[in-house]
């Protein structure tokens, strides 16, 4: 057999993506592609040689939510690695930014290309050798399910001491939700996203997310809107969870410089602290319910300070262009873009042009060095989301923050250039292999209908914005070229990249930021 390498694995994996035509047909029919995936996922697991009971050996921490679940996982991972430095801690998240192997980490490090390739083809070959057992079941899983299966196989083979699993979408029917007995489950902030799959109200979404709660397992959640919290408590009781805990912000966390930026990270950090504490309590053989952790041990503090989660409220000085700073956040819902704007429109981040400005506690937040910058927005969103709503949220919160900080700037001129681009990586129309998206139709790549709609929405919201400062371009490389072209005449360029994690990952790739961003 010919030697198979990492690129071979990525090419095989990309064949499991759902095509744009299939997705469009499902949307038109108003149906879900996979209405009940759990039985299929269990059979896939059995076809590669495991049972669901085997997954209990992983000591799982299972996390879902609409926004903040990935950050919560990152905090939890960092805390556990500080608290138990001799343990192997596995972390499974999605999506990736630049390389697929980022999704599967052990000890905070993505799988190497060699390890990814080995485990990938071990799963692939087993599925090829052991065909479907149930009529009408598919021979191969889709992209996300395959990576979930591969994660289970990898973590079992590596004998991890703990596995932190981030749900893909929802909870109840998610591919990760076949672990019979996790150690602890947690739900980050709920919001309106994936509504065609999860429902159009917070209560309906809570119903799906609460499906990760299990019999005899602690069920945690951050504070939620009342309609969502009621449902989560009901789900915890119906599942016979050992207990339900509502996690509010932790008083000591406010005095810690968290490794992840943004005011919203306070509640994610608080949830991570309580989950990690309950997890360690259980792993020490203590079965009683622990009291909430009020005084943080030193390893917990270090874990919170050293947590890293690229592409989320991240400031990245360009290693090749000294006058460019990239501000990266993969926010893609109205709630998360609200948080992104709170972060960016603040002193020492993006609020750099005000002649007079104070922080919210009344102290000066602007320095002479920060007073000369031109801001650029690079934005994209996926089909099915309301660009008008997303951009409106950003502009409204920008206006509020400028007022709160006493800034003399106007929201209409806060950004001097806006660029709307597709998620295609390169100017010649190619994707980086790991960033390939079969969900984007050929028409979407060439006609740029969505990007023109975003540009029209911006013009509608900011009627005085110069039309020659609004750019619609077909690739991320085109967008980066525009930014690079500004550097010859400007002292400092601050670029906010948001609306899509795929966009953020593409910018990291094209702008050659991997060495400092990842």
Protein backbone atom coordinates (compact mmCIF):
# COMPACT_ATOMS: atom_id res chain seq x y z
CA UNK A 1 0.00 0.00 0.00
CA UNK A 2 1.29 3.48 -0.90
CA UNK A 3 2.30 5.72 1.98
CA UNK A 4 -0.54 8.11 2.83
CA UNK A 5 0.26 11.58 4.15
CA UNK A 6 -1.56 14.45 5.83
CA UNK A 7 -2.75 15.98 2.55
CA UNK A 8 -4.19 12.60 1.56
CA UNK A 9 -6.13 12.57 4.83
CA UNK A 10 -7.48 16.08 4.22
CA UNK A 11 -8.53 15.20 0.67
CA UNK A 12 -10.35 12.10 1.92
CA UNK A 13 -11.98 14.11 4.71
CA UNK A 14 -13.21 16.79 2.34
CA UNK A 15 -15.12 14.18 0.34
CA UNK A 16 -17.36 13.82 3.41
CA UNK A 17 -18.52 17.44 3.31
CA UNK A 18 -22.11 18.08 2.33
CA UNK A 19 -22.34 19.80 -1.04
CA UNK A 20 -23.96 23.18 -1.66
CA UNK A 21 -26.63 21.58 -3.85
CA UNK A 22 -27.62 19.12 -1.13
CA UNK A 23 -27.79 21.86 1.49
CA UNK A 24 -29.89 24.07 -0.79
CA UNK A 25 -32.31 21.22 -1.53
CA UNK A 26 -32.76 20.61 2.21
CA UNK A 27 -33.40 24.32 2.83
CA UNK A 28 -35.93 24.47 0.01
CA UNK A 29 -37.76 21.45 1.39
CA UNK A 30 -37.69 22.86 4.89
CA UNK A 31 -36.18 19.63 6.18
CA UNK A 32 -33.12 18.55 8.12
CA UNK A 33 -30.48 16.49 6.39
CA UNK A 34 -30.04 14.13 9.33
CA UNK A 35 -33.12 14.27 11.60
CA UNK A 36 -32.01 11.50 13.99
CA UNK A 37 -28.25 10.98 13.77
CA UNK A 38 -27.58 9.30 17.12
CA UNK A 39 -28.42 5.69 16.04
CA UNK A 40 -26.14 6.11 13.01
CA UNK A 41 -23.37 7.56 15.17
CA UNK A 42 -23.58 4.60 17.55
CA UNK A 43 -23.33 2.18 14.64
CA UNK A 44 -20.35 4.04 13.20
CA UNK A 45 -18.67 3.77 16.60
CA UNK A 46 -19.31 0.03 16.72
CA UNK A 47 -17.97 -0.39 13.18
CA UNK A 48 -14.61 1.01 14.29
CA UNK A 49 -14.48 -1.39 17.23
CA UNK A 50 -15.91 0.46 20.22
CA UNK A 51 -19.09 0.62 22.27
CA UNK A 52 -20.63 3.67 23.89
CA UNK A 53 -19.62 2.26 27.28
CA UNK A 54 -15.98 2.42 26.16
CA UNK A 55 -16.33 6.20 25.95
CA UNK A 56 -16.89 6.42 29.71
CA UNK A 57 -13.17 5.61 30.06
CA UNK A 58 -12.39 9.05 28.65
CA UNK A 59 -13.72 10.89 31.73
CA UNK A 60 -15.68 13.37 29.67
CA UNK A 61 -16.53 17.00 30.38
CA UNK A 62 -19.32 17.82 27.91
CA UNK A 63 -20.01 21.47 27.01
CA UNK A 64 -22.61 23.16 24.84
CA UNK A 65 -24.13 26.63 24.46
CA UNK A 66 -24.75 29.15 21.70
CA UNK A 67 -21.80 31.41 22.44
CA UNK A 68 -18.87 30.86 24.73
CA UNK A 69 -18.77 27.07 24.69
CA UNK A 70 -15.40 26.97 22.95
CA UNK A 71 -13.91 29.55 25.30
CA UNK A 72 -15.31 27.63 28.27
CA UNK A 73 -13.62 24.48 26.97
CA UNK A 74 -10.34 26.37 26.54
CA UNK A 75 -10.48 27.68 30.12
CA UNK A 76 -11.35 24.21 31.45
CA UNK A 77 -8.51 22.61 29.51
CA UNK A 78 -6.02 25.17 30.78
CA UNK A 79 -7.15 24.79 34.40
CA UNK A 80 -6.90 21.01 34.33
CA UNK A 81 -3.44 21.09 32.75
CA UNK A 82 -2.28 23.39 35.54
CA UNK A 83 -4.00 21.39 38.29
CA UNK A 84 -2.83 17.98 37.01
CA UNK A 85 0.36 18.60 34.99
CA UNK A 86 1.09 14.86 34.82
CA UNK A 87 -2.24 14.07 33.14
CA UNK A 88 -3.05 13.83 29.45
CA UNK A 89 -5.92 16.24 28.83
CA UNK A 90 -7.78 15.81 25.53
CA UNK A 91 -9.71 18.69 23.96
CA UNK A 92 -12.09 18.41 20.99
CA UNK A 93 -13.49 21.63 19.52
CA UNK A 94 -14.83 22.99 16.24
CA UNK A 95 -14.40 24.57 13.82
CA UNK A 96 -10.69 24.93 13.16
CA UNK A 97 -8.99 28.12 12.03
CA UNK A 98 -6.16 27.08 9.71
CA UNK A 99 -5.56 23.32 10.07
CA UNK A 100 -8.13 20.59 10.77
CA UNK A 101 -5.84 18.99 13.32
CA UNK A 102 -6.39 22.01 15.61
CA UNK A 103 -9.71 20.41 16.53
CA UNK A 104 -8.05 17.51 18.37
CA UNK A 105 -5.57 18.53 21.04
CA UNK A 106 -3.73 16.66 23.76
CA UNK A 107 -1.88 18.63 26.42
CA UNK A 108 -2.91 21.86 24.70
CA UNK A 109 -1.15 20.90 21.47
CA UNK A 110 -2.90 19.97 18.19
CA UNK A 111 -2.18 16.51 16.84
CA UNK A 112 0.91 16.44 14.67
CA UNK A 113 0.38 15.86 10.96
CA UNK A 114 1.79 12.34 11.35
CA UNK A 115 -0.46 11.45 14.28
CA UNK A 116 -3.50 12.96 12.57
CA UNK A 117 -2.78 10.95 9.43
CA UNK A 118 -2.27 7.71 11.34
CA UNK A 119 -5.44 7.95 13.40
CA UNK A 120 -7.44 9.28 10.44
CA UNK A 121 -6.69 6.29 8.23
CA UNK A 122 -7.12 3.78 11.06
CA UNK A 123 -10.73 4.95 11.34
CA UNK A 124 -11.16 5.22 7.56
CA UNK A 125 -9.91 1.69 6.92
CA UNK A 126 -12.08 0.18 9.65
CA UNK A 127 -15.19 1.81 8.21
CA UNK A 128 -14.27 0.63 4.72
CA UNK A 129 -13.72 -2.94 5.97
CA UNK A 130 -16.87 -3.04 8.14
CA UNK A 131 -19.83 -1.88 6.11
CA UNK A 132 -23.24 -0.71 7.36
CA UNK A 133 -25.22 -3.22 9.40
CA UNK A 134 -28.56 -1.44 9.23
CA UNK A 135 -30.43 -1.04 5.92
CA UNK A 136 -30.35 2.51 4.56
CA UNK A 137 -27.56 3.56 6.92
CA UNK A 138 -24.69 5.32 5.09
CA UNK A 139 -21.34 3.67 4.51
CA UNK A 140 -19.45 6.75 5.72
CA UNK A 141 -20.30 9.52 8.17
CA UNK A 142 -20.33 13.18 7.26
CA UNK A 143 -17.40 15.51 7.97
CA UNK A 144 -18.15 16.43 11.58
CA UNK A 145 -19.22 12.93 12.62
CA UNK A 146 -16.07 11.48 11.13
CA UNK A 147 -13.87 13.86 13.10
CA UNK A 148 -15.86 13.04 16.25
CA UNK A 149 -15.31 9.31 15.68
CA UNK A 150 -11.64 9.96 15.04
CA UNK A 151 -11.43 11.98 18.25
CA UNK A 152 -12.92 9.13 20.28
CA UNK A 153 -10.47 6.69 18.68
CA UNK A 154 -7.50 9.03 19.23
CA UNK A 155 -8.29 9.76 22.87
CA UNK A 156 -8.87 6.08 23.66
CA UNK A 157 -5.65 5.07 21.91
CA UNK A 158 -3.70 7.81 23.70
CA UNK A 159 -5.30 6.88 27.05
CA UNK A 160 -6.16 10.45 28.00
CA UNK A 161 -7.04 11.12 31.64
CA UNK A 162 -9.78 13.57 30.70
CA UNK A 163 -11.60 14.54 27.52
CA UNK A 164 -13.28 17.91 27.08
CA UNK A 165 -15.85 17.68 24.29
CA UNK A 166 -17.41 20.75 22.70
CA UNK A 167 -20.79 20.11 21.08
CA UNK A 168 -21.00 20.94 17.39
CA UNK A 169 -24.62 22.10 17.07
CA UNK A 170 -27.34 21.81 19.69
CA UNK A 171 -26.74 19.00 22.11
CA UNK A 172 -29.39 16.32 22.20
CA UNK A 173 -28.77 15.08 18.65
CA UNK A 174 -25.14 16.10 18.36
CA UNK A 175 -22.54 13.52 17.36
CA UNK A 176 -20.67 14.05 20.63
CA UNK A 177 -23.74 13.08 22.67
CA UNK A 178 -23.22 9.31 22.76
CA UNK A 179 -21.15 9.21 25.96
CA UNK A 180 -23.42 7.43 28.48
CA UNK A 181 -21.94 8.94 31.62
CA UNK A 182 -19.77 12.07 31.44
CA UNK A 183 -18.23 13.33 34.67
CA UNK A 184 -19.86 16.77 34.39
CA UNK A 185 -21.91 18.68 31.80
CA UNK A 186 -22.15 22.44 31.31
CA UNK A 187 -24.06 24.92 29.16
CA UNK A 188 -22.67 28.33 28.22
CA UNK A 189 -24.81 31.31 27.19
CA UNK A 190 -27.86 30.59 25.05
CA UNK A 191 -28.79 32.68 22.03
CA UNK A 192 -30.58 32.51 18.69
CA UNK A 193 -28.50 30.57 16.19
CA UNK A 194 -29.02 27.57 13.89
CA UNK A 195 -32.73 28.25 14.33
CA UNK A 196 -33.79 26.07 11.39
CA UNK A 197 -32.37 23.11 13.29
CA UNK A 198 -32.79 24.04 16.95
CA UNK A 199 -35.92 26.19 17.03
CA UNK A 200 -36.75 29.88 16.92
CA UNK A 201 -37.04 30.67 20.62
CA UNK A 202 -34.62 30.53 23.54
CA UNK A 203 -36.88 27.93 25.16
CA UNK A 204 -36.78 25.67 22.10
CA UNK A 205 -33.01 26.01 21.84
CA UNK A 206 -32.63 25.27 25.57
CA UNK A 207 -34.66 22.11 25.05
CA UNK A 208 -32.12 20.87 22.51
CA UNK A 209 -29.03 22.05 24.41
CA UNK A 210 -30.28 20.48 27.65
CA UNK A 211 -30.13 17.11 25.94
CA UNK A 212 -26.52 16.73 27.09
CA UNK A 213 -27.65 16.38 30.71
CA UNK A 214 -27.40 12.76 31.89
CA UNK A 215 -28.64 10.56 34.71
CA UNK A 216 -26.41 10.76 37.76
CA UNK A 217 -24.22 13.51 36.24
CA UNK A 218 -23.95 17.11 37.55
CA UNK A 219 -25.74 19.55 35.23
CA UNK A 220 -24.38 23.11 35.17
CA UNK A 221 -25.35 26.27 33.32
CA UNK A 222 -24.40 29.91 33.36
CA UNK A 223 -27.21 32.32 34.16
CA UNK A 224 -29.66 32.35 31.24
CA UNK A 225 -32.75 34.28 30.15
CA UNK A 226 -35.65 33.10 32.31
CA UNK A 227 -37.41 31.15 29.56
CA UNK A 228 -34.22 29.24 28.85
CA UNK A 229 -33.33 28.59 32.49
CA UNK A 230 -36.76 27.14 33.23
CA UNK A 231 -36.35 24.64 30.41
CA UNK A 232 -32.80 23.69 31.43
CA UNK A 233 -33.88 22.99 34.99
CA UNK A 234 -36.74 20.84 33.68
CA UNK A 235 -34.36 18.94 31.43
CA UNK A 236 -31.94 18.34 34.27
CA UNK A 237 -34.75 16.97 36.43
CA UNK A 238 -36.17 14.82 33.62
CA UNK A 239 -32.75 13.33 32.88
CA UNK A 240 -32.26 12.57 36.58
CA UNK A 241 -29.06 14.59 36.75
CA UNK A 242 -27.41 14.28 40.15
CA UNK A 243 -27.99 18.01 40.68
CA UNK A 244 -28.39 21.29 38.81
CA UNK A 245 -26.11 24.27 39.45
CA UNK A 246 -26.59 27.78 38.10
CA UNK A 247 -23.17 29.43 37.80
CA UNK A 248 -23.01 33.18 38.17
CA UNK A 249 -19.85 35.20 37.84
CA UNK A 250 -17.10 34.44 40.36
CA UNK A 251 -15.93 37.37 42.55
CA UNK A 252 -12.23 36.48 42.37
CA UNK A 253 -12.23 36.16 38.57
CA UNK A 254 -12.86 39.87 38.17
CA UNK A 255 -9.43 40.51 39.71
CA UNK A 256 -7.60 38.12 37.37
CA UNK A 257 -6.16 39.06 33.99
CA UNK A 258 -7.82 36.33 31.95
CA UNK A 259 -5.97 34.80 29.04
CA UNK A 260 -9.03 35.46 26.87
CA UNK A 261 -10.16 39.05 26.28
CA UNK A 262 -13.67 40.44 26.52
CA UNK A 263 -16.12 41.18 29.32
CA UNK A 264 -18.21 38.14 28.33
CA UNK A 265 -15.33 35.83 29.26
CA UNK A 266 -16.06 36.35 32.97
CA UNK A 267 -19.05 34.00 32.87
CA UNK A 268 -17.24 31.48 30.65
CA UNK A 269 -14.36 31.44 33.12
CA UNK A 270 -16.75 31.01 36.05
CA UNK A 271 -18.42 28.01 34.38
CA UNK A 272 -15.02 26.48 33.61
CA UNK A 273 -13.90 26.90 37.23
CA UNK A 274 -16.92 25.09 38.65
CA UNK A 275 -16.79 22.30 36.04
CA UNK A 276 -13.08 21.73 36.62
CA UNK A 277 -13.61 21.73 40.40
CA UNK A 278 -16.47 19.23 40.22
CA UNK A 279 -14.48 17.10 37.79
CA UNK A 280 -11.42 16.93 40.05
CA UNK A 281 -13.64 16.31 43.07
CA UNK A 282 -15.17 13.32 41.28
CA UNK A 283 -11.83 12.02 40.01
CA UNK A 284 -10.55 12.08 43.59
CA UNK A 285 -13.29 9.58 44.42
CA UNK A 286 -15.56 12.00 46.27
CA UNK A 287 -19.17 11.33 45.28
CA UNK A 288 -20.93 13.95 47.42
CA UNK A 289 -21.93 17.26 45.90
CA UNK A 290 -19.16 19.81 46.51
CA UNK A 291 -19.97 23.32 47.61
CA UNK A 292 -19.33 25.92 44.86
CA UNK A 293 -15.67 26.86 44.75
CA UNK A 294 -15.30 30.35 46.20
CA UNK A 295 -11.55 30.68 46.79
CA UNK A 296 -9.53 29.86 43.71
CA UNK A 297 -6.47 27.61 44.16
CA UNK A 298 -3.27 28.79 42.51
CA UNK A 299 -3.47 26.24 39.62
CA UNK A 300 -6.96 27.53 38.77
CA UNK A 301 -5.70 31.12 38.67
CA UNK A 302 -2.76 30.13 36.48
CA UNK A 303 -5.09 28.17 34.22
CA UNK A 304 -7.36 31.19 33.74
CA UNK A 305 -4.41 33.51 33.11
CA UNK A 306 -2.71 31.18 30.64
CA UNK A 307 -5.77 30.10 28.65
CA UNK A 308 -5.47 30.69 24.93
CA UNK A 309 -8.22 30.51 22.30
CA UNK A 310 -7.09 31.91 18.95
CA UNK A 311 -9.51 33.84 16.80
CA UNK A 312 -11.67 35.00 19.67
CA UNK A 313 -11.20 38.62 20.78
CA UNK A 314 -7.56 38.26 19.81
CA UNK A 315 -5.08 41.06 19.15
CA UNK A 316 -2.33 40.11 16.69
CA UNK A 317 0.44 42.54 15.70
CA UNK A 318 1.43 41.76 12.11
CA UNK A 319 4.93 40.21 12.11
CA UNK A 320 5.63 41.50 8.59
CA UNK A 321 3.95 44.94 8.62
CA UNK A 322 4.79 46.86 11.77
CA UNK A 323 2.00 49.40 11.28
CA UNK A 324 -0.81 46.79 11.03
CA UNK A 325 -2.58 45.26 14.01
CA UNK A 326 -5.20 42.59 13.39
CA UNK A 327 -8.15 42.19 15.75
CA UNK A 328 -9.65 38.76 15.20
CA UNK A 329 -12.99 37.51 16.46
CA UNK A 330 -15.08 34.78 14.88
CA UNK A 331 -18.35 36.15 16.25
CA UNK A 332 -21.23 35.19 13.95
CA UNK A 333 -24.46 35.81 15.87
CA UNK A 334 -26.02 39.07 17.03
CA UNK A 335 -25.18 38.19 20.64
CA UNK A 336 -21.56 37.33 19.94
CA UNK A 337 -21.07 40.37 17.68
CA UNK A 338 -22.41 42.52 20.50
CA UNK A 339 -19.66 41.08 22.73
CA UNK A 340 -17.07 41.48 19.96
CA UNK A 341 -17.96 45.16 19.57
CA UNK A 342 -17.78 45.72 23.33
CA UNK A 343 -14.26 44.32 23.23
CA UNK A 344 -13.07 46.19 20.14
CA UNK A 345 -14.58 49.58 20.95
CA UNK A 346 -12.59 50.04 24.12
CA UNK A 347 -9.32 51.78 25.07
CA UNK A 348 -6.13 49.89 24.26
CA UNK A 349 -8.00 47.81 21.70
CA UNK A 350 -9.75 49.58 18.84
CA UNK A 351 -10.68 52.91 20.41
CA UNK A 352 -7.66 54.84 19.23
CA UNK A 353 -8.76 58.10 17.60
CA UNK A 354 -10.60 59.97 20.35
CA UNK A 355 -9.19 63.32 21.35
CA UNK A 356 -10.81 62.99 24.76
CA UNK A 357 -11.75 59.64 26.15
CA UNK A 358 -12.16 58.00 29.48
CA UNK A 359 -12.68 54.45 30.51
CA UNK A 360 -15.93 53.50 32.18
CA UNK A 361 -14.39 54.04 35.63
CA UNK A 362 -13.29 57.54 34.70
CA UNK A 363 -9.58 56.99 34.03
CA UNK A 364 -7.84 57.91 30.81
CA UNK A 365 -7.70 55.12 28.27
CA UNK A 366 -5.98 56.74 25.26
CA UNK A 367 -2.26 57.22 24.76
CA UNK A 368 -0.41 59.36 22.22
CA UNK A 369 0.79 56.23 20.44
CA UNK A 370 -2.81 55.06 20.01
CA UNK A 371 -4.12 58.37 18.68
CA UNK A 372 -3.12 57.86 15.05
CA UNK A 373 -4.82 54.86 13.47
CA UNK A 374 -7.13 54.05 10.62
CA UNK A 375 -9.69 51.31 11.24
CA UNK A 376 -10.72 48.76 8.66
CA UNK A 377 -13.53 46.21 8.94
CA UNK A 378 -13.26 42.89 7.08
CA UNK A 379 -16.57 41.06 7.34
CA UNK A 380 -18.43 38.06 5.99
CA UNK A 381 -21.24 35.84 7.21
CA UNK A 382 -22.71 32.55 6.09
CA UNK A 383 -25.84 32.17 4.01
CA UNK A 384 -29.01 32.18 6.06
CA UNK A 385 -27.87 34.84 8.52
CA UNK A 386 -29.19 38.40 8.36
CA UNK A 387 -26.30 40.64 7.43
CA UNK A 388 -28.45 43.69 8.14
CA UNK A 389 -29.13 42.53 11.70
CA UNK A 390 -25.50 41.61 12.34
CA UNK A 391 -24.08 44.88 11.06
CA UNK A 392 -26.82 46.87 12.80
CA UNK A 393 -25.87 45.24 16.11
CA UNK A 394 -22.23 46.21 15.62
CA UNK A 395 -23.00 49.82 14.72
CA UNK A 396 -25.50 50.34 17.53
CA UNK A 397 -23.12 48.98 20.16
CA UNK A 398 -20.27 51.05 18.68
CA UNK A 399 -22.44 54.14 19.13
CA UNK A 400 -23.19 53.15 22.74
CA UNK A 401 -19.54 52.50 23.58
CA UNK A 402 -18.36 55.78 22.06
CA UNK A 403 -20.89 57.60 24.21
CA UNK A 404 -19.94 55.63 27.34
CA UNK A 405 -16.26 56.44 26.88
CA UNK A 406 -16.91 60.10 26.19
CA UNK A 407 -15.36 59.83 22.75
CA UNK A 408 -15.62 62.66 20.26
CA UNK A 409 -15.77 60.19 17.36
CA UNK A 410 -18.87 59.48 15.34
CA UNK A 411 -20.04 55.96 14.61
CA UNK A 412 -20.45 56.85 10.92
CA UNK A 413 -16.69 57.36 10.53
CA UNK A 414 -15.43 54.87 13.11
CA UNK A 415 -14.29 52.56 10.29
CA UNK A 416 -12.63 54.31 7.35
CA UNK A 417 -12.76 51.30 5.02
CA UNK A 418 -15.06 48.24 5.03
CA UNK A 419 -14.35 45.10 3.03
CA UNK A 420 -16.87 42.35 2.37
CA UNK A 421 -15.31 39.18 1.00
CA UNK A 422 -16.14 35.53 0.54
CA UNK A 423 -14.37 32.83 2.55
CA UNK A 424 -12.41 31.66 -0.51
CA UNK A 425 -8.79 31.64 0.58
CA UNK A 426 -6.78 32.73 -2.46
CA UNK A 427 -7.21 35.24 -5.27
CA UNK A 428 -7.03 32.50 -7.90
CA UNK A 429 -10.21 30.93 -6.48
CA UNK A 430 -8.52 28.11 -4.55
CA UNK A 431 -9.05 27.14 -0.95
CA UNK A 432 -6.28 26.05 1.36
CA UNK A 433 -6.92 22.30 1.66
CA UNK A 434 -7.89 22.45 5.33
CA UNK A 435 -10.24 25.38 4.62
CA UNK A 436 -12.07 23.86 1.66
CA UNK A 437 -15.82 24.42 1.76
CA UNK A 438 -18.07 22.40 -0.53
CA UNK A 439 -21.02 24.20 1.04
CA UNK A 440 -20.24 27.27 -1.09
CA UNK A 441 -21.77 27.03 -4.56
CA UNK A 442 -19.95 28.08 -7.72
CA UNK A 443 -22.44 30.94 -8.15
CA UNK A 444 -21.74 32.19 -4.64
CA UNK A 445 -18.04 32.36 -5.48
CA UNK A 446 -18.46 34.26 -8.74
CA UNK A 447 -21.56 36.41 -8.23
CA UNK A 448 -20.80 37.42 -4.62
CA UNK A 449 -24.50 38.01 -4.03
CA UNK A 450 -24.16 37.76 -0.26
CA UNK A 451 -21.23 40.16 -0.16
CA UNK A 452 -23.10 42.72 -2.29
CA UNK A 453 -26.06 42.40 0.07
CA UNK A 454 -23.76 43.11 3.00
CA UNK A 455 -22.39 46.18 1.21
CA UNK A 456 -25.93 47.40 0.52
CA UNK A 457 -26.85 46.83 4.17
CA UNK A 458 -23.85 48.90 5.28
CA UNK A 459 -24.82 51.74 2.93
CA UNK A 460 -28.37 51.59 4.25
CA UNK A 461 -27.18 51.76 7.86
CA UNK A 462 -24.47 54.38 7.30
CA UNK A 463 -25.90 56.59 4.58
CA UNK A 464 -22.99 59.07 4.68
CA UNK A 465 -20.28 56.40 4.25
CA UNK A 466 -18.23 56.99 1.06
CA UNK A 467 -19.06 54.41 -1.59
CA UNK A 468 -15.42 54.22 -2.68
CA UNK A 469 -14.52 53.03 0.84
CA UNK A 470 -16.86 50.01 0.58
CA UNK A 471 -15.19 47.04 -1.11
CA UNK A 472 -16.70 43.78 -2.34
CA UNK A 473 -13.99 41.28 -3.24
CA UNK A 474 -14.03 37.58 -4.16
CA UNK A 475 -11.39 36.23 -1.78
CA UNK A 476 -9.64 36.74 1.52
CA UNK A 477 -6.39 37.34 -0.32
CA UNK A 478 -8.01 40.29 -2.15
CA UNK A 479 -9.07 41.74 1.21
CA UNK A 480 -5.60 41.38 2.73
CA UNK A 481 -4.05 43.03 -0.34
CA UNK A 482 -6.25 46.10 0.21
CA UNK A 483 -5.04 46.34 3.81
CA UNK A 484 -1.41 45.89 2.80
CA UNK A 485 -1.82 48.61 0.18
CA UNK A 486 -2.83 51.11 2.88
CA UNK A 487 0.39 50.79 4.84
CA UNK A 488 2.52 53.05 2.64
CA UNK A 489 0.56 56.19 3.52
CA UNK A 490 -0.80 55.48 7.01
CA UNK A 491 0.97 55.44 10.37
CA UNK A 492 -1.18 52.72 11.87
CA UNK A 493 -3.90 50.41 10.55
CA UNK A 494 -6.22 48.56 12.92
CA UNK A 495 -8.15 45.77 11.18
CA UNK A 496 -11.18 44.11 12.78
CA UNK A 497 -11.91 40.74 11.16
CA UNK A 498 -15.23 39.25 12.23
CA UNK A 499 -18.52 37.62 11.20
CA UNK A 500 -17.10 34.15 10.52
CA UNK A 501 -14.49 31.88 12.08
CA UNK A 502 -13.72 30.59 8.58
CA UNK A 503 -12.95 34.16 7.56
CA UNK A 504 -10.68 34.64 10.59
CA UNK A 505 -8.81 31.43 9.81
CA UNK A 506 -8.36 32.46 6.20
CA UNK A 507 -6.93 35.82 7.21
CA UNK A 508 -4.46 34.11 9.56
CA UNK A 509 -3.37 31.93 6.64
CA UNK A 510 -3.16 34.59 3.93
CA UNK A 511 -1.66 37.35 6.06
CA UNK A 512 0.94 34.89 7.36
CA UNK A 513 -0.05 35.32 11.00
CA UNK A 514 0.14 31.68 12.10
CA UNK A 515 3.48 32.10 13.88
CA UNK A 516 2.01 34.72 16.23
CA UNK A 517 -1.73 33.98 16.21
CA UNK A 518 -1.89 30.22 16.77
